[in-house]
Every structure is written in C-alpha cells, then in structure tokens.
C-alpha cells in the first residue's frame, strides 16, 4: 500500500508523516494488490482533522476523524478503516466472490450541495459515476458512511439515487422514462 500524506494549510512534521504512513500501511493486510491511500491533515478551531481516501476494488474507502492530537486522529481513522475493510471483505465472502482488491481510477464519491442560511450553494463536488447495480450502490454508500448515493444504474443506464430510510431499510429513486 502506498500512502501519500499531505497537509491542508499546515505543515506536516517528518515524525507525523512517518507515524501516519506506518499506521496506514498496516491496512495492506486487507488488500492483495497495490492501492494508493491519500491522507490529508488540516486544522480547524485548534483541532486536527485527518481525512483518508483510497480507491479499492471499485469502491472508495474513506475515513475522517477529529482530535486534539494528530496522532490520535491517525489511530481513530485506522480503526474506522479496518472496520470498513472487514465489513467489505465479509460482504464479498457472503456473495461467494473472492475479496480481490485492485487499483481503480478516481472512484465515485457521493456529495451534497449544502445550502447555508441564505440558500446559496457553498460547495460543489464532481465525481465519475461508474455503472453499478442498486445493491452495489448501497454497499458503496455504507462504505462511505453517507445517507444517500448517486449512481448510474447499470440495468437502465439512468442516473438513480439510493438512500437510507429512517426505518433502517433503503430506498431507490429512479427517473421516469
């Protein structure tokens, strides 16, 4: 596993970079092929934030944590990513598929345009949508930890949305043709 550690509006000390790389490389026991993980540190109101993303077998593995200590951020993110990888591996084994991970170009990531108090769009995200089944979209949504996921339905070729309902089930929104 290759780990790229960067800082957003902050300098990363060599000790912190080495610690983050060492901890994140431990995740390589879950993957069989080369994967590049992007770790980005930032600070906000005196707290450190670490966001880690890694494309994995057609899915985007993502974890984000905040703490007063940057080393604690690394530990918390690694624990979160290990849980996600274990869950992903279990799902693949239940489906009878081999948990083979392969590098993929930049993966999809669900995004929301969140209005502030004035109803203005304050953030725009663009992402590539790979065709997938609604079941794959639900799995991707769970791995990302989001409440909804926009994807291209492989069966219909149309843009669809899966979302988590309050009762714990999932919903699918499809456009009329």
C-alpha atoms as a PDB file:
ATOM      1  CA  UNK A   1       0.000   0.000   0.000  1.00  0.00           C
ATOM      2  CA  UNK A   2       1.293   3.421  -0.964  1.00  0.00           C
ATOM      3  CA  UNK A   3       0.400   6.289   1.384  1.00  0.00           C
ATOM      4  CA  UNK A   4       0.538   9.967   0.411  1.00  0.00           C
ATOM      5  CA  UNK A   5       0.381  12.307   3.429  1.00  0.00           C
ATOM      6  CA  UNK A   6      -0.367  15.985   2.806  1.00  0.00           C
ATOM      7  CA  UNK A   7      -1.320  18.992   4.877  1.00  0.00           C
ATOM      8  CA  UNK A   8      -4.024  21.481   4.046  1.00  0.00           C
ATOM      9  CA  UNK A   9      -2.988  24.908   5.373  1.00  0.00           C
ATOM     10  CA  UNK A  10      -0.487  23.287   7.739  1.00  0.00           C
ATOM     11  CA  UNK A  11       2.978  21.773   7.690  1.00  0.00           C
ATOM     12  CA  UNK A  12       3.394  18.062   8.377  1.00  0.00           C
ATOM     13  CA  UNK A  13       6.338  17.175  10.584  1.00  0.00           C
ATOM     14  CA  UNK A  14       8.502  14.228   9.484  1.00  0.00           C
ATOM     15  CA  UNK A  15       7.567  12.378  12.686  1.00  0.00           C
ATOM     16  CA  UNK A  16       3.831  12.775  11.993  1.00  0.00           C
ATOM     17  CA  UNK A  17       4.295  11.767   8.338  1.00  0.00           C
ATOM     18  CA  UNK A  18       6.222   8.621   9.347  1.00  0.00           C
ATOM     19  CA  UNK A  19       3.649   7.725  12.019  1.00  0.00           C
ATOM     20  CA  UNK A  20       0.710   8.131   9.624  1.00  0.00           C
ATOM     21  CA  UNK A  21       2.432   6.140   6.855  1.00  0.00           C
ATOM     22  CA  UNK A  22       3.388   3.343   9.260  1.00  0.00           C
ATOM     23  CA  UNK A  23      -0.140   3.030  10.704  1.00  0.00           C
ATOM     24  CA  UNK A  24      -1.942   3.263   7.362  1.00  0.00           C
ATOM     25  CA  UNK A  25       0.370   0.723   5.726  1.00  0.00           C
ATOM     26  CA  UNK A  26      -0.908  -1.820   8.274  1.00  0.00           C
ATOM     27  CA  UNK A  27      -4.170  -1.792   6.299  1.00  0.00           C
ATOM     28  CA  UNK A  28      -2.333  -3.518   3.431  1.00  0.00           C
ATOM     29  CA  UNK A  29      -3.041  -6.884   5.102  1.00  0.00           C
ATOM     30  CA  UNK A  30      -6.637  -6.458   3.859  1.00  0.00           C
ATOM     31  CA  UNK A  31      -5.710  -5.773   0.229  1.00  0.00           C
ATOM     32  CA  UNK A  32      -3.996  -8.063  -2.246  1.00  0.00           C
ATOM     33  CA  UNK A  33      -2.880  -5.557  -4.863  1.00  0.00           C
ATOM     34  CA  UNK A  34      -1.280  -2.135  -4.810  1.00  0.00           C
ATOM     35  CA  UNK A  35      -3.535   0.631  -3.517  1.00  0.00           C
ATOM     36  CA  UNK A  36      -2.730   4.315  -3.030  1.00  0.00           C
ATOM     37  CA  UNK A  37      -4.213   5.973   0.056  1.00  0.00           C
ATOM     38  CA  UNK A  38      -4.414   9.763   0.243  1.00  0.00           C
ATOM     39  CA  UNK A  39      -4.213  11.155   3.815  1.00  0.00           C
ATOM     40  CA  UNK A  40      -4.877  14.871   4.307  1.00  0.00           C
ATOM     41  CA  UNK A  41      -4.347  16.669   7.607  1.00  0.00           C
ATOM     42  CA  UNK A  42      -5.970  20.018   8.367  1.00  0.00           C
ATOM     43  CA  UNK A  43      -6.713  22.104  11.444  1.00  0.00           C
ATOM     44  CA  UNK A  44      -9.906  23.810  12.454  1.00  0.00           C
ATOM     45  CA  UNK A  45     -10.523  25.643  15.727  1.00  0.00           C
ATOM     46  CA  UNK A  46      -7.498  24.074  17.392  1.00  0.00           C
ATOM     47  CA  UNK A  47      -8.436  20.510  16.443  1.00  0.00           C
ATOM     48  CA  UNK A  48      -6.691  18.296  13.919  1.00  0.00           C
ATOM     49  CA  UNK A  49      -8.730  16.648  11.159  1.00  0.00           C
ATOM     50  CA  UNK A  50      -7.484  13.681   9.160  1.00  0.00           C
ATOM     51  CA  UNK A  51      -9.272  12.520   6.024  1.00  0.00           C
ATOM     52  CA  UNK A  52      -8.111   9.323   4.320  1.00  0.00           C
ATOM     53  CA  UNK A  53      -9.414   8.073   0.957  1.00  0.00           C
ATOM     54  CA  UNK A  54      -8.360   5.045  -1.047  1.00  0.00           C
ATOM     55  CA  UNK A  55      -9.922   3.571  -4.200  1.00  0.00           C
ATOM     56  CA  UNK A  56     -10.487  -0.112  -3.542  1.00  0.00           C
ATOM     57  CA  UNK A  57     -11.981  -2.771  -5.807  1.00  0.00           C
ATOM     58  CA  UNK A  58     -14.373  -0.342  -7.472  1.00  0.00           C
ATOM     59  CA  UNK A  59     -15.269   1.247  -4.130  1.00  0.00           C
ATOM     60  CA  UNK A  60     -13.959   4.289  -2.356  1.00  0.00           C
ATOM     61  CA  UNK A  61     -12.702   3.612   1.147  1.00  0.00           C
ATOM     62  CA  UNK A  62     -12.994   6.796   3.222  1.00  0.00           C
ATOM     63  CA  UNK A  63     -12.477   7.772   6.847  1.00  0.00           C
ATOM     64  CA  UNK A  64     -12.409  11.119   8.620  1.00  0.00           C
ATOM     65  CA  UNK A  65     -11.704  11.856  12.278  1.00  0.00           C
ATOM     66  CA  UNK A  66     -11.033  14.870  14.510  1.00  0.00           C
ATOM     67  CA  UNK A  67      -8.968  15.070  17.682  1.00  0.00           C
ATOM     68  CA  UNK A  68      -6.841  17.460  19.697  1.00  0.00           C
ATOM     69  CA  UNK A  69      -3.748  15.349  18.902  1.00  0.00           C
ATOM     70  CA  UNK A  70      -2.801  14.458  15.298  1.00  0.00           C
ATOM     71  CA  UNK A  71      -1.504  11.035  16.367  1.00  0.00           C
ATOM     72  CA  UNK A  72      -4.907  10.258  17.913  1.00  0.00           C
ATOM     73  CA  UNK A  73      -6.544  11.197  14.584  1.00  0.00           C
ATOM     74  CA  UNK A  74      -4.384   8.629  12.815  1.00  0.00           C
ATOM     75  CA  UNK A  75      -5.272   5.894  15.323  1.00  0.00           C
ATOM     76  CA  UNK A  76      -9.006   6.647  15.109  1.00  0.00           C
ATOM     77  CA  UNK A  77      -9.029   6.701  11.293  1.00  0.00           C
ATOM     78  CA  UNK A  78      -7.110   3.422  11.086  1.00  0.00           C
ATOM     79  CA  UNK A  79      -9.660   1.765  13.414  1.00  0.00           C
ATOM     80  CA  UNK A  80     -12.540   3.103  11.312  1.00  0.00           C
ATOM     81  CA  UNK A  81     -10.970   1.940   8.040  1.00  0.00           C
ATOM     82  CA  UNK A  82     -10.221  -1.519   9.485  1.00  0.00           C
ATOM     83  CA  UNK A  83     -13.904  -1.900  10.404  1.00  0.00           C
ATOM     84  CA  UNK A  84     -14.931  -0.823   6.883  1.00  0.00           C
ATOM     85  CA  UNK A  85     -12.472  -3.219   5.253  1.00  0.00           C
ATOM     86  CA  UNK A  86     -13.588  -6.115   7.439  1.00  0.00           C
ATOM     87  CA  UNK A  87     -17.232  -5.368   6.588  1.00  0.00           C
ATOM     88  CA  UNK A  88     -16.396  -5.171   2.870  1.00  0.00           C
ATOM     89  CA  UNK A  89     -14.456  -8.437   2.999  1.00  0.00           C
ATOM     90  CA  UNK A  90     -17.321 -10.181   4.804  1.00  0.00           C
ATOM     91  CA  UNK A  91     -19.862  -8.979   2.227  1.00  0.00           C
ATOM     92  CA  UNK A  92     -17.710 -10.271  -0.627  1.00  0.00           C
ATOM     93  CA  UNK A  93     -17.282 -13.658   1.043  1.00  0.00           C
ATOM     94  CA  UNK A  94     -21.051 -13.922   1.657  1.00  0.00           C
ATOM     95  CA  UNK A  95     -21.680 -13.297  -2.050  1.00  0.00           C
ATOM     96  CA  UNK A  96     -19.192 -16.006  -2.981  1.00  0.00           C
ATOM     97  CA  UNK A  97     -16.756 -13.561  -4.535  1.00  0.00           C
ATOM     98  CA  UNK A  98     -13.061 -13.512  -3.838  1.00  0.00           C
ATOM     99  CA  UNK A  99     -12.034 -10.428  -1.854  1.00  0.00           C
ATOM    100  CA  UNK A 100      -9.533  -9.351  -4.507  1.00  0.00           C
ATOM    101  CA  UNK A 101      -8.759  -5.661  -4.453  1.00  0.00           C
ATOM    102  CA  UNK A 102      -7.448  -3.869  -7.498  1.00  0.00           C
ATOM    103  CA  UNK A 103      -6.425  -0.275  -8.085  1.00  0.00           C
ATOM    104  CA  UNK A 104      -9.044   1.843  -9.814  1.00  0.00           C
ATOM    105  CA  UNK A 105      -9.047   5.330 -11.252  1.00  0.00           C
ATOM    106  CA  UNK A 106     -10.553   8.039  -9.076  1.00  0.00           C
ATOM    107  CA  UNK A 107     -13.697   6.496  -7.646  1.00  0.00           C
ATOM    108  CA  UNK A 108     -17.137   7.944  -7.136  1.00  0.00           C
ATOM    109  CA  UNK A 109     -17.987   9.872  -4.034  1.00  0.00           C
ATOM    110  CA  UNK A 110     -21.475  10.980  -3.114  1.00  0.00           C
ATOM    111  CA  UNK A 111     -21.816  14.669  -2.445  1.00  0.00           C
ATOM    112  CA  UNK A 112     -24.450  17.012  -1.192  1.00  0.00           C
ATOM    113  CA  UNK A 113     -24.847  20.642  -2.044  1.00  0.00           C
ATOM    114  CA  UNK A 114     -25.498  22.082   1.399  1.00  0.00           C
ATOM    115  CA  UNK A 115     -27.201  25.443   1.467  1.00  0.00           C
ATOM    116  CA  UNK A 116     -26.195  27.925   4.169  1.00  0.00           C
ATOM    117  CA  UNK A 117     -28.700  30.251   5.801  1.00  0.00           C
ATOM    118  CA  UNK A 118     -29.241  32.181   2.536  1.00  0.00           C
ATOM    119  CA  UNK A 119     -29.910  29.109   0.408  1.00  0.00           C
ATOM    120  CA  UNK A 120     -26.734  29.502  -1.643  1.00  0.00           C
ATOM    121  CA  UNK A 121     -24.661  26.637  -2.988  1.00  0.00           C
ATOM    122  CA  UNK A 122     -21.443  26.740  -0.969  1.00  0.00           C
ATOM    123  CA  UNK A 123     -19.762  23.570  -2.201  1.00  0.00           C
ATOM    124  CA  UNK A 124     -19.725  21.697  -5.497  1.00  0.00           C
ATOM    125  CA  UNK A 125     -18.238  18.242  -5.960  1.00  0.00           C
ATOM    126  CA  UNK A 126     -17.759  16.430  -9.220  1.00  0.00           C
ATOM    127  CA  UNK A 127     -17.235  12.715  -9.467  1.00  0.00           C
ATOM    128  CA  UNK A 128     -17.198   9.975 -12.074  1.00  0.00           C
ATOM    129  CA  UNK A 129     -20.209   7.679 -11.898  1.00  0.00           C
ATOM    130  CA  UNK A 130     -19.496   4.095 -12.815  1.00  0.00           C
ATOM    131  CA  UNK A 131     -22.462   1.949 -13.823  1.00  0.00           C
ATOM    132  CA  UNK A 132     -23.490  -0.354 -10.975  1.00  0.00           C
ATOM    133  CA  UNK A 133     -26.464  -2.225  -9.620  1.00  0.00           C
ATOM    134  CA  UNK A 134     -28.564  -0.720  -6.818  1.00  0.00           C
ATOM    135  CA  UNK A 135     -27.146  -3.359  -4.444  1.00  0.00           C
ATOM    136  CA  UNK A 136     -23.584  -2.266  -5.273  1.00  0.00           C
ATOM    137  CA  UNK A 137     -24.626   1.364  -4.734  1.00  0.00           C
ATOM    138  CA  UNK A 138     -25.974   0.515  -1.265  1.00  0.00           C
ATOM    139  CA  UNK A 139     -22.681  -1.185  -0.407  1.00  0.00           C
ATOM    140  CA  UNK A 140     -20.721   1.841  -1.650  1.00  0.00           C
ATOM    141  CA  UNK A 141     -22.967   4.189   0.327  1.00  0.00           C
ATOM    142  CA  UNK A 142     -22.400   2.151   3.506  1.00  0.00           C
ATOM    143  CA  UNK A 143     -18.626   2.115   2.967  1.00  0.00           C
ATOM    144  CA  UNK A 144     -18.606   5.896   2.588  1.00  0.00           C
ATOM    145  CA  UNK A 145     -20.848   6.370   5.621  1.00  0.00           C
ATOM    146  CA  UNK A 146     -23.321   8.547   3.707  1.00  0.00           C
ATOM    147  CA  UNK A 147     -27.123   8.611   3.869  1.00  0.00           C
ATOM    148  CA  UNK A 148     -27.560   8.673   0.083  1.00  0.00           C
ATOM    149  CA  UNK A 149     -25.598   7.793  -3.037  1.00  0.00           C
ATOM    150  CA  UNK A 150     -25.985   8.941  -6.655  1.00  0.00           C
ATOM    151  CA  UNK A 151     -25.028   6.388  -9.320  1.00  0.00           C
ATOM    152  CA  UNK A 152     -25.657   5.285 -12.888  1.00  0.00           C
ATOM    153  CA  UNK A 153     -27.919   2.235 -12.870  1.00  0.00           C
ATOM    154  CA  UNK A 154     -26.232  -0.476 -14.965  1.00  0.00           C
ATOM    155  CA  UNK A 155     -29.606  -2.052 -15.830  1.00  0.00           C
ATOM    156  CA  UNK A 156     -31.346   1.109 -17.078  1.00  0.00           C
ATOM    157  CA  UNK A 157     -28.421   3.432 -17.875  1.00  0.00           C
ATOM    158  CA  UNK A 158     -30.169   6.234 -15.967  1.00  0.00           C
ATOM    159  CA  UNK A 159     -28.948   8.270 -13.011  1.00  0.00           C
ATOM    160  CA  UNK A 160     -30.505   6.921  -9.807  1.00  0.00           C
ATOM    161  CA  UNK A 161     -30.235   7.561  -6.069  1.00  0.00           C
ATOM    162  CA  UNK A 162     -30.241   5.097  -3.172  1.00  0.00           C
ATOM    163  CA  UNK A 163     -30.897   6.415   0.317  1.00  0.00           C
ATOM    164  CA  UNK A 164     -31.145   5.160   3.879  1.00  0.00           C
ATOM    165  CA  UNK A 165     -34.650   5.328   5.308  1.00  0.00           C
ATOM    166  CA  UNK A 166     -35.414   6.120   8.953  1.00  0.00           C
ATOM    167  CA  UNK A 167     -36.654   2.545   9.486  1.00  0.00           C
ATOM    168  CA  UNK A 168     -33.171   1.214   8.575  1.00  0.00           C
ATOM    169  CA  UNK A 169     -34.129  -0.028   5.101  1.00  0.00           C
ATOM    170  CA  UNK A 170     -33.072   1.539   1.813  1.00  0.00           C
ATOM    171  CA  UNK A 171     -34.940   3.440  -0.862  1.00  0.00           C
ATOM    172  CA  UNK A 172     -34.262   3.797  -4.588  1.00  0.00           C
ATOM    173  CA  UNK A 173     -35.172   6.885  -6.611  1.00  0.00           C
ATOM    174  CA  UNK A 174     -35.319   6.381 -10.384  1.00  0.00           C
ATOM    175  CA  UNK A 175     -36.373   8.892 -13.036  1.00  0.00           C
ATOM    176  CA  UNK A 176     -39.424   8.155 -15.166  1.00  0.00           C
ATOM    177  CA  UNK A 177     -38.618   7.366 -18.778  1.00  0.00           C
END
